[in-house]
N, C-alpha and C. Protein backbone atom coordinates (compact mmCIF):
# COMPACT_ATOMS: atom_id res chain seq x y z
N PHE A 1 -81.55 -28.52 -43.26
CA PHE A 1 -82.97 -28.61 -43.47
C PHE A 1 -83.40 -30.06 -43.30
N PHE A 2 -84.60 -30.18 -42.83
CA PHE A 2 -85.12 -31.53 -42.59
C PHE A 2 -85.94 -32.00 -43.79
N PHE A 3 -85.73 -33.20 -44.13
CA PHE A 3 -86.55 -33.81 -45.17
C PHE A 3 -87.43 -34.84 -44.49
N PHE A 4 -88.69 -34.69 -44.66
CA PHE A 4 -89.64 -35.62 -44.04
C PHE A 4 -90.00 -36.71 -45.04
N PHE A 5 -89.85 -37.90 -44.56
CA PHE A 5 -90.32 -39.03 -45.36
C PHE A 5 -91.40 -39.70 -44.55
N PHE A 6 -92.49 -39.92 -45.13
CA PHE A 6 -93.62 -40.49 -44.41
C PHE A 6 -93.94 -41.86 -44.98
N GLN A 7 -94.23 -42.75 -44.06
CA GLN A 7 -94.60 -44.09 -44.47
C GLN A 7 -96.12 -44.13 -44.68
N ALA A 8 -96.52 -44.53 -45.81
CA ALA A 8 -97.96 -44.67 -46.09
C ALA A 8 -98.22 -46.10 -46.58
N GLU A 9 -99.47 -46.44 -46.75
CA GLU A 9 -99.80 -47.80 -47.19
C GLU A 9 -99.20 -48.13 -48.54
N ASP A 10 -99.09 -47.15 -49.38
CA ASP A 10 -98.60 -47.43 -50.74
C ASP A 10 -97.10 -47.14 -50.90
N GLY A 11 -96.33 -46.82 -49.79
CA GLY A 11 -94.89 -46.61 -49.91
C GLY A 11 -94.45 -45.32 -49.25
N ILE A 12 -93.20 -44.93 -49.54
CA ILE A 12 -92.64 -43.73 -48.93
C ILE A 12 -93.04 -42.55 -49.77
N ARG A 13 -93.56 -41.53 -49.10
CA ARG A 13 -93.94 -40.32 -49.81
C ARG A 13 -93.27 -39.13 -49.13
N ASP A 14 -93.06 -38.09 -49.86
CA ASP A 14 -92.48 -36.88 -49.24
C ASP A 14 -93.59 -36.01 -48.70
N VAL A 15 -93.23 -34.86 -48.09
CA VAL A 15 -94.17 -33.98 -47.41
C VAL A 15 -95.23 -33.47 -48.38
N GLU A 16 -94.84 -33.11 -49.58
CA GLU A 16 -95.76 -32.54 -50.56
C GLU A 16 -96.84 -33.57 -50.95
N ARG A 17 -96.45 -34.79 -51.11
CA ARG A 17 -97.38 -35.80 -51.60
C ARG A 17 -98.17 -36.48 -50.48
N SER A 18 -97.73 -36.37 -49.26
CA SER A 18 -98.35 -37.16 -48.20
C SER A 18 -99.39 -36.39 -47.40
N ARG A 19 -99.85 -35.29 -47.90
CA ARG A 19 -100.86 -34.53 -47.18
C ARG A 19 -102.09 -35.41 -46.97
N GLY A 20 -102.52 -35.30 -45.71
CA GLY A 20 -103.73 -36.04 -45.40
C GLY A 20 -103.48 -37.43 -44.91
N LEU A 21 -102.22 -37.83 -44.73
CA LEU A 21 -101.96 -39.16 -44.24
C LEU A 21 -102.04 -39.21 -42.71
N GLY A 22 -102.31 -38.13 -42.05
CA GLY A 22 -102.61 -37.99 -40.63
C GLY A 22 -101.72 -38.72 -39.66
N ASP A 23 -101.98 -40.02 -39.41
CA ASP A 23 -101.31 -40.74 -38.34
C ASP A 23 -99.80 -40.80 -38.53
N VAL A 24 -99.36 -41.09 -39.72
CA VAL A 24 -97.91 -41.17 -39.99
C VAL A 24 -97.29 -39.80 -39.80
N TYR A 25 -97.93 -38.80 -40.37
CA TYR A 25 -97.44 -37.43 -40.29
C TYR A 25 -97.39 -36.99 -38.83
N LYS A 26 -98.44 -37.29 -38.05
CA LYS A 26 -98.49 -36.89 -36.66
C LYS A 26 -97.40 -37.58 -35.84
N ARG A 27 -97.16 -38.87 -36.09
CA ARG A 27 -96.11 -39.60 -35.36
C ARG A 27 -94.74 -38.98 -35.63
N GLN A 28 -94.49 -38.67 -36.87
CA GLN A 28 -93.18 -38.11 -37.21
C GLN A 28 -93.01 -36.71 -36.63
N VAL A 29 -94.08 -35.93 -36.61
CA VAL A 29 -94.01 -34.59 -36.01
C VAL A 29 -93.77 -34.73 -34.51
N ARG A 30 -94.48 -35.70 -33.88
CA ARG A 30 -94.26 -35.92 -32.45
C ARG A 30 -92.82 -36.36 -32.17
N ALA A 31 -92.30 -37.23 -33.00
CA ALA A 31 -90.92 -37.69 -32.84
C ALA A 31 -89.94 -36.52 -32.94
N MET A 32 -90.21 -35.66 -33.93
CA MET A 32 -89.36 -34.47 -34.08
C MET A 32 -89.51 -33.56 -32.87
N ALA A 33 -90.74 -33.36 -32.40
CA ALA A 33 -90.98 -32.51 -31.24
C ALA A 33 -90.29 -33.08 -30.01
N ASN A 34 -90.39 -34.41 -29.83
CA ASN A 34 -89.72 -35.04 -28.69
C ASN A 34 -88.20 -34.88 -28.77
N THR A 35 -87.66 -35.03 -29.97
CA THR A 35 -86.22 -34.83 -30.16
C THR A 35 -85.83 -33.41 -29.80
N LEU A 36 -86.60 -32.45 -30.31
CA LEU A 36 -86.31 -31.05 -30.01
C LEU A 36 -86.48 -30.76 -28.52
N LYS A 37 -87.51 -31.37 -27.92
CA LYS A 37 -87.75 -31.20 -26.50
C LYS A 37 -86.57 -31.77 -25.69
N GLY A 38 -86.07 -32.94 -26.10
CA GLY A 38 -84.91 -33.54 -25.44
C GLY A 38 -83.68 -32.65 -25.56
N ASN A 39 -83.48 -32.10 -26.76
CA ASN A 39 -82.35 -31.18 -26.96
C ASN A 39 -82.51 -29.94 -26.09
N LEU A 40 -83.75 -29.44 -26.02
CA LEU A 40 -84.02 -28.26 -25.19
C LEU A 40 -83.74 -28.56 -23.72
N MET A 41 -84.14 -29.74 -23.25
CA MET A 41 -83.88 -30.12 -21.85
C MET A 41 -82.38 -30.22 -21.58
N GLN A 42 -81.65 -30.80 -22.53
CA GLN A 42 -80.19 -30.88 -22.37
C GLN A 42 -79.58 -29.49 -22.29
N LYS A 43 -80.05 -28.60 -23.16
CA LYS A 43 -79.54 -27.22 -23.15
C LYS A 43 -79.87 -26.54 -21.83
N LYS A 44 -81.11 -26.75 -21.31
CA LYS A 44 -81.50 -26.15 -20.03
C LYS A 44 -80.63 -26.68 -18.90
N LYS A 45 -80.36 -28.00 -18.90
CA LYS A 45 -79.49 -28.58 -17.87
C LYS A 45 -78.09 -27.97 -17.95
N LYS A 46 -77.60 -27.83 -19.16
CA LYS A 46 -76.27 -27.25 -19.36
C LYS A 46 -76.25 -25.80 -18.87
N ILE A 47 -77.30 -25.04 -19.19
CA ILE A 47 -77.40 -23.64 -18.73
C ILE A 47 -77.47 -23.59 -17.21
N HIS A 48 -78.23 -24.51 -16.61
CA HIS A 48 -78.33 -24.55 -15.14
C HIS A 48 -76.96 -24.84 -14.52
N LYS A 49 -76.24 -25.81 -15.08
CA LYS A 49 -74.90 -26.13 -14.57
C LYS A 49 -73.98 -24.91 -14.70
N LEU A 50 -74.08 -24.21 -15.83
CA LEU A 50 -73.25 -23.02 -16.03
C LEU A 50 -73.61 -21.92 -15.03
N LYS A 51 -74.93 -21.78 -14.74
CA LYS A 51 -75.34 -20.78 -13.75
C LYS A 51 -74.81 -21.12 -12.36
N VAL A 52 -74.88 -22.41 -12.00
CA VAL A 52 -74.34 -22.84 -10.70
C VAL A 52 -72.85 -22.58 -10.65
N LYS A 53 -72.16 -22.91 -11.70
CA LYS A 53 -70.71 -22.69 -11.75
C LYS A 53 -70.40 -21.19 -11.69
N LEU A 54 -71.22 -20.38 -12.36
CA LEU A 54 -71.04 -18.93 -12.33
C LEU A 54 -71.22 -18.39 -10.91
N LYS A 55 -72.24 -18.89 -10.19
CA LYS A 55 -72.47 -18.45 -8.81
C LYS A 55 -71.29 -18.83 -7.92
N GLU A 56 -70.78 -20.05 -8.10
CA GLU A 56 -69.61 -20.49 -7.33
C GLU A 56 -68.41 -19.59 -7.62
N THR A 57 -68.22 -19.28 -8.89
CA THR A 57 -67.11 -18.41 -9.28
C THR A 57 -67.29 -17.02 -8.70
N GLU A 58 -68.53 -16.51 -8.70
CA GLU A 58 -68.79 -15.19 -8.11
C GLU A 58 -68.47 -15.19 -6.63
N LYS A 59 -68.89 -16.26 -5.92
CA LYS A 59 -68.59 -16.36 -4.49
C LYS A 59 -67.08 -16.41 -4.25
N GLU A 60 -66.39 -17.17 -5.07
CA GLU A 60 -64.94 -17.27 -4.95
C GLU A 60 -64.28 -15.92 -5.21
N LEU A 61 -64.77 -15.21 -6.24
CA LEU A 61 -64.23 -13.88 -6.54
C LEU A 61 -64.49 -12.91 -5.40
N GLU A 62 -65.71 -12.95 -4.84
CA GLU A 62 -66.02 -12.07 -3.71
C GLU A 62 -65.10 -12.37 -2.53
N SER A 63 -64.87 -13.65 -2.28
CA SER A 63 -63.96 -14.05 -1.20
C SER A 63 -62.55 -13.53 -1.46
N ASN A 64 -62.10 -13.68 -2.70
CA ASN A 64 -60.75 -13.20 -3.06
C ASN A 64 -60.66 -11.69 -2.96
N ILE A 65 -61.71 -11.00 -3.37
CA ILE A 65 -61.73 -9.53 -3.27
C ILE A 65 -61.65 -9.11 -1.81
N LYS A 66 -62.42 -9.80 -0.95
CA LYS A 66 -62.39 -9.49 0.49
C LYS A 66 -61.00 -9.70 1.05
N LYS A 67 -60.37 -10.81 0.66
CA LYS A 67 -59.00 -11.09 1.13
C LYS A 67 -58.04 -10.00 0.65
N LEU A 68 -58.18 -9.59 -0.60
CA LEU A 68 -57.31 -8.55 -1.14
C LEU A 68 -57.52 -7.22 -0.42
N GLU A 69 -58.79 -6.90 -0.14
CA GLU A 69 -59.08 -5.66 0.60
C GLU A 69 -58.46 -5.72 1.99
N ASP A 70 -58.57 -6.88 2.66
CA ASP A 70 -57.94 -7.04 3.98
C ASP A 70 -56.42 -6.89 3.89
N ASN A 71 -55.83 -7.48 2.84
CA ASN A 71 -54.38 -7.36 2.65
C ASN A 71 -53.98 -5.91 2.39
N ILE A 72 -54.78 -5.20 1.61
CA ILE A 72 -54.48 -3.79 1.34
C ILE A 72 -54.53 -2.99 2.63
N LYS A 73 -55.56 -3.24 3.44
CA LYS A 73 -55.69 -2.53 4.72
C LYS A 73 -54.49 -2.83 5.61
N LEU A 74 -54.12 -4.11 5.70
CA LEU A 74 -52.97 -4.51 6.52
C LEU A 74 -51.69 -3.87 5.98
N ASN A 75 -51.54 -3.84 4.66
CA ASN A 75 -50.35 -3.23 4.07
C ASN A 75 -50.29 -1.73 4.36
N LYS A 76 -51.45 -1.06 4.34
CA LYS A 76 -51.48 0.37 4.66
C LYS A 76 -51.07 0.60 6.11
N GLU A 77 -51.58 -0.27 7.01
CA GLU A 77 -51.21 -0.15 8.42
C GLU A 77 -49.71 -0.39 8.60
N ASN A 78 -49.19 -1.41 7.92
CA ASN A 78 -47.75 -1.69 7.99
C ASN A 78 -46.94 -0.53 7.42
N GLU A 79 -47.43 0.05 6.34
CA GLU A 79 -46.72 1.18 5.72
C GLU A 79 -46.68 2.36 6.69
N ALA A 80 -47.81 2.62 7.36
CA ALA A 80 -47.85 3.72 8.33
C ALA A 80 -46.88 3.46 9.47
N SER A 81 -46.84 2.21 9.95
CA SER A 81 -45.92 1.85 11.02
C SER A 81 -44.47 2.01 10.57
N LEU A 82 -44.19 1.57 9.35
CA LEU A 82 -42.83 1.69 8.83
C LEU A 82 -42.45 3.16 8.61
N GLN A 83 -43.41 3.97 8.17
CA GLN A 83 -43.14 5.40 8.00
C GLN A 83 -42.79 6.03 9.35
N HIS A 84 -43.53 5.64 10.39
CA HIS A 84 -43.27 6.18 11.73
C HIS A 84 -41.88 5.74 12.21
N ARG A 85 -41.57 4.45 12.01
CA ARG A 85 -40.24 3.95 12.42
C ARG A 85 -39.14 4.65 11.63
N LEU A 86 -39.37 4.87 10.34
CA LEU A 86 -38.38 5.55 9.51
C LEU A 86 -38.15 6.97 10.01
N LYS A 87 -39.23 7.65 10.37
CA LYS A 87 -39.12 9.02 10.90
C LYS A 87 -38.31 9.01 12.19
N MET A 88 -38.60 8.05 13.08
CA MET A 88 -37.86 7.97 14.35
C MET A 88 -36.37 7.70 14.09
N LEU A 89 -36.08 6.78 13.18
CA LEU A 89 -34.69 6.47 12.85
C LEU A 89 -33.99 7.67 12.22
N GLN A 90 -34.71 8.42 11.40
CA GLN A 90 -34.12 9.61 10.78
C GLN A 90 -33.79 10.65 11.85
N GLU A 91 -34.71 10.81 12.82
CA GLU A 91 -34.45 11.75 13.92
C GLU A 91 -33.23 11.31 14.73
N LYS A 92 -33.11 10.01 15.01
CA LYS A 92 -31.94 9.50 15.73
C LYS A 92 -30.67 9.73 14.92
N ALA A 93 -30.75 9.49 13.62
CA ALA A 93 -29.58 9.69 12.76
C ALA A 93 -29.17 11.17 12.76
N ASP A 94 -30.16 12.07 12.72
CA ASP A 94 -29.86 13.50 12.75
C ASP A 94 -29.19 13.88 14.08
N ALA A 95 -29.71 13.33 15.18
CA ALA A 95 -29.14 13.62 16.49
C ALA A 95 -27.71 13.09 16.57
N LEU A 96 -27.48 11.89 16.07
CA LEU A 96 -26.13 11.33 16.08
C LEU A 96 -25.19 12.15 15.20
N GLU A 97 -25.71 12.63 14.09
CA GLU A 97 -24.89 13.46 13.20
C GLU A 97 -24.50 14.76 13.90
N ARG A 98 -25.47 15.35 14.63
CA ARG A 98 -25.15 16.57 15.37
C ARG A 98 -24.10 16.29 16.45
N GLU A 99 -24.27 15.16 17.16
CA GLU A 99 -23.30 14.78 18.18
C GLU A 99 -21.93 14.55 17.56
N LEU A 100 -21.93 13.89 16.40
CA LEU A 100 -20.68 13.64 15.71
C LEU A 100 -20.03 14.96 15.32
N GLY A 101 -20.83 15.91 14.83
CA GLY A 101 -20.29 17.23 14.49
C GLY A 101 -19.69 17.90 15.72
N ASP A 102 -20.40 17.80 16.86
CA ASP A 102 -19.87 18.36 18.10
C ASP A 102 -18.59 17.65 18.50
N SER A 103 -18.57 16.34 18.35
CA SER A 103 -17.38 15.55 18.71
C SER A 103 -16.20 15.92 17.81
N GLU A 104 -16.48 16.15 16.54
CA GLU A 104 -15.41 16.54 15.63
C GLU A 104 -14.82 17.89 16.05
N GLU A 105 -15.71 18.80 16.46
CA GLU A 105 -15.22 20.09 16.94
C GLU A 105 -14.38 19.91 18.20
N GLU A 106 -14.83 19.05 19.10
CA GLU A 106 -14.08 18.77 20.33
C GLU A 106 -12.72 18.17 20.01
N VAL A 107 -12.70 17.24 19.02
CA VAL A 107 -11.42 16.63 18.63
C VAL A 107 -10.48 17.70 18.08
N LYS A 108 -11.00 18.61 17.26
CA LYS A 108 -10.17 19.68 16.70
C LYS A 108 -9.62 20.56 17.83
N THR A 109 -10.49 20.87 18.80
CA THR A 109 -10.06 21.69 19.93
C THR A 109 -8.99 20.98 20.74
N LEU A 110 -9.20 19.67 20.99
CA LEU A 110 -8.21 18.90 21.74
C LEU A 110 -6.88 18.81 20.98
N LYS A 111 -6.93 18.69 19.68
CA LYS A 111 -5.71 18.66 18.88
C LYS A 111 -4.98 20.01 18.99
N ALA A 112 -5.76 21.10 18.96
CA ALA A 112 -5.16 22.43 19.09
C ALA A 112 -4.51 22.59 20.46
N ILE A 113 -5.20 22.09 21.50
CA ILE A 113 -4.62 22.17 22.86
C ILE A 113 -3.36 21.34 22.92
N ASN A 114 -3.36 20.16 22.31
CA ASN A 114 -2.20 19.29 22.31
C ASN A 114 -1.02 19.96 21.62
N VAL A 115 -1.29 20.61 20.48
CA VAL A 115 -0.23 21.33 19.76
C VAL A 115 0.32 22.44 20.64
N SER A 116 -0.57 23.15 21.32
CA SER A 116 -0.14 24.25 22.20
C SER A 116 0.71 23.71 23.34
N LEU A 117 0.27 22.58 23.90
CA LEU A 117 1.07 21.99 25.00
C LEU A 117 2.43 21.54 24.51
N GLU A 118 2.47 21.02 23.30
CA GLU A 118 3.77 20.62 22.73
C GLU A 118 4.68 21.84 22.56
N GLU A 119 4.09 22.95 22.12
CA GLU A 119 4.88 24.18 21.96
C GLU A 119 5.40 24.65 23.32
N VAL A 120 4.56 24.62 24.35
CA VAL A 120 4.98 25.03 25.70
C VAL A 120 6.09 24.11 26.19
N LYS A 121 5.89 22.80 25.95
CA LYS A 121 6.89 21.82 26.38
C LYS A 121 8.23 22.08 25.68
N THR A 122 8.17 22.38 24.38
CA THR A 122 9.39 22.67 23.62
C THR A 122 10.07 23.93 24.17
N GLN A 123 9.27 24.95 24.43
CA GLN A 123 9.83 26.19 24.99
C GLN A 123 10.46 25.93 26.37
N TYR A 124 9.78 25.11 27.16
CA TYR A 124 10.29 24.81 28.50
C TYR A 124 11.62 24.07 28.40
N HIS A 125 11.70 23.10 27.49
CA HIS A 125 12.95 22.35 27.34
C HIS A 125 14.09 23.25 26.86
N LYS A 126 13.77 24.16 25.95
CA LYS A 126 14.79 25.09 25.47
C LYS A 126 15.27 25.97 26.63
N LEU A 127 14.32 26.47 27.37
CA LEU A 127 14.65 27.34 28.50
C LEU A 127 15.49 26.59 29.52
N LEU A 128 15.06 25.36 29.81
CA LEU A 128 15.81 24.55 30.77
C LEU A 128 17.19 24.24 30.25
N GLN A 129 17.31 23.94 28.99
CA GLN A 129 18.61 23.65 28.39
C GLN A 129 19.53 24.87 28.47
N ASN A 130 18.96 26.01 28.12
CA ASN A 130 19.75 27.25 28.19
C ASN A 130 20.17 27.54 29.63
N ALA A 131 19.31 27.28 30.57
CA ALA A 131 19.63 27.54 31.98
C ALA A 131 20.73 26.61 32.45
N ILE A 132 20.68 25.38 32.00
CA ILE A 132 21.72 24.43 32.41
C ILE A 132 23.05 24.86 31.81
N GLU A 133 23.02 25.25 30.55
CA GLU A 133 24.25 25.66 29.90
C GLU A 133 24.80 26.93 30.54
N ASP A 134 23.96 27.84 30.88
CA ASP A 134 24.41 29.09 31.48
C ASP A 134 24.57 28.96 32.99
N ALA A 135 24.07 27.92 33.53
CA ALA A 135 24.08 27.68 34.96
C ALA A 135 23.48 28.83 35.70
N LYS A 136 22.46 29.38 35.19
CA LYS A 136 21.75 30.43 35.86
C LYS A 136 20.45 29.87 36.39
N PRO A 137 19.88 30.60 37.29
CA PRO A 137 18.57 30.15 37.75
C PRO A 137 17.53 30.30 36.63
N VAL A 138 16.58 29.41 36.62
CA VAL A 138 15.57 29.37 35.56
C VAL A 138 14.48 30.38 35.86
N SER A 139 14.12 31.18 34.84
CA SER A 139 13.04 32.14 34.98
C SER A 139 11.91 31.73 34.04
N TYR A 140 10.74 31.58 34.59
CA TYR A 140 9.59 31.15 33.79
C TYR A 140 8.73 32.30 33.32
N THR A 141 9.13 33.49 33.55
CA THR A 141 8.27 34.63 33.27
C THR A 141 8.11 34.90 31.78
N HIS A 142 9.06 34.56 30.97
CA HIS A 142 8.94 34.88 29.56
C HIS A 142 8.30 33.75 28.74
N LEU A 143 7.79 32.69 29.39
CA LEU A 143 7.03 31.65 28.68
C LEU A 143 5.68 32.22 28.25
N THR A 144 5.29 31.96 27.02
CA THR A 144 3.99 32.45 26.55
C THR A 144 3.10 31.26 26.25
N LEU A 145 1.89 31.37 26.68
CA LEU A 145 0.93 30.34 26.39
C LEU A 145 0.15 30.76 25.14
N PRO A 146 0.05 29.90 24.16
CA PRO A 146 -0.71 30.26 22.97
C PRO A 146 -2.22 30.33 23.31
N THR A 147 -2.89 31.15 22.55
CA THR A 147 -4.33 31.25 22.78
C THR A 147 -5.02 30.00 22.23
N ILE A 148 -5.91 29.48 23.02
CA ILE A 148 -6.63 28.25 22.64
C ILE A 148 -8.07 28.62 22.41
N CYS A 149 -8.67 27.95 21.47
CA CYS A 149 -10.08 28.20 21.19
C CYS A 149 -10.89 28.08 22.45
N SER A 150 -11.80 29.02 22.62
CA SER A 150 -12.62 28.97 23.84
C SER A 150 -13.57 27.78 23.76
N VAL A 151 -13.72 27.13 24.88
CA VAL A 151 -14.52 25.92 24.92
C VAL A 151 -15.86 26.23 25.56
């Protein structure tokens, strides 16, 4: 609270006692009004600075939001591209897996043929050995070929 002291011809008087002293009272009221006006101007300047800073911050935020939206769009495009590449790679992997399965079957078939050839070779050597021991002419008619998986 403010306490007003007014200077009068007969000394310092308070607000209650100094009624009617006019000039002194008016000067002090003007001084108070000027002080309040100065404070008000300072507050207005501070508010103006805050508004300017707020506008700058809003512009910066809008710029950042735009950049983020652009990044999101770019990321979505990259994701779509990566999804497409992943799909293509998966298809290639599936094709290679099928080829590998076919190759495994071919290897099994070739192993079976090799075993069969080994059996024929063994039979031939036995037959040849028996023919040499018996000194008879060699007859190939009783050789049997094992059945091989159809290719």
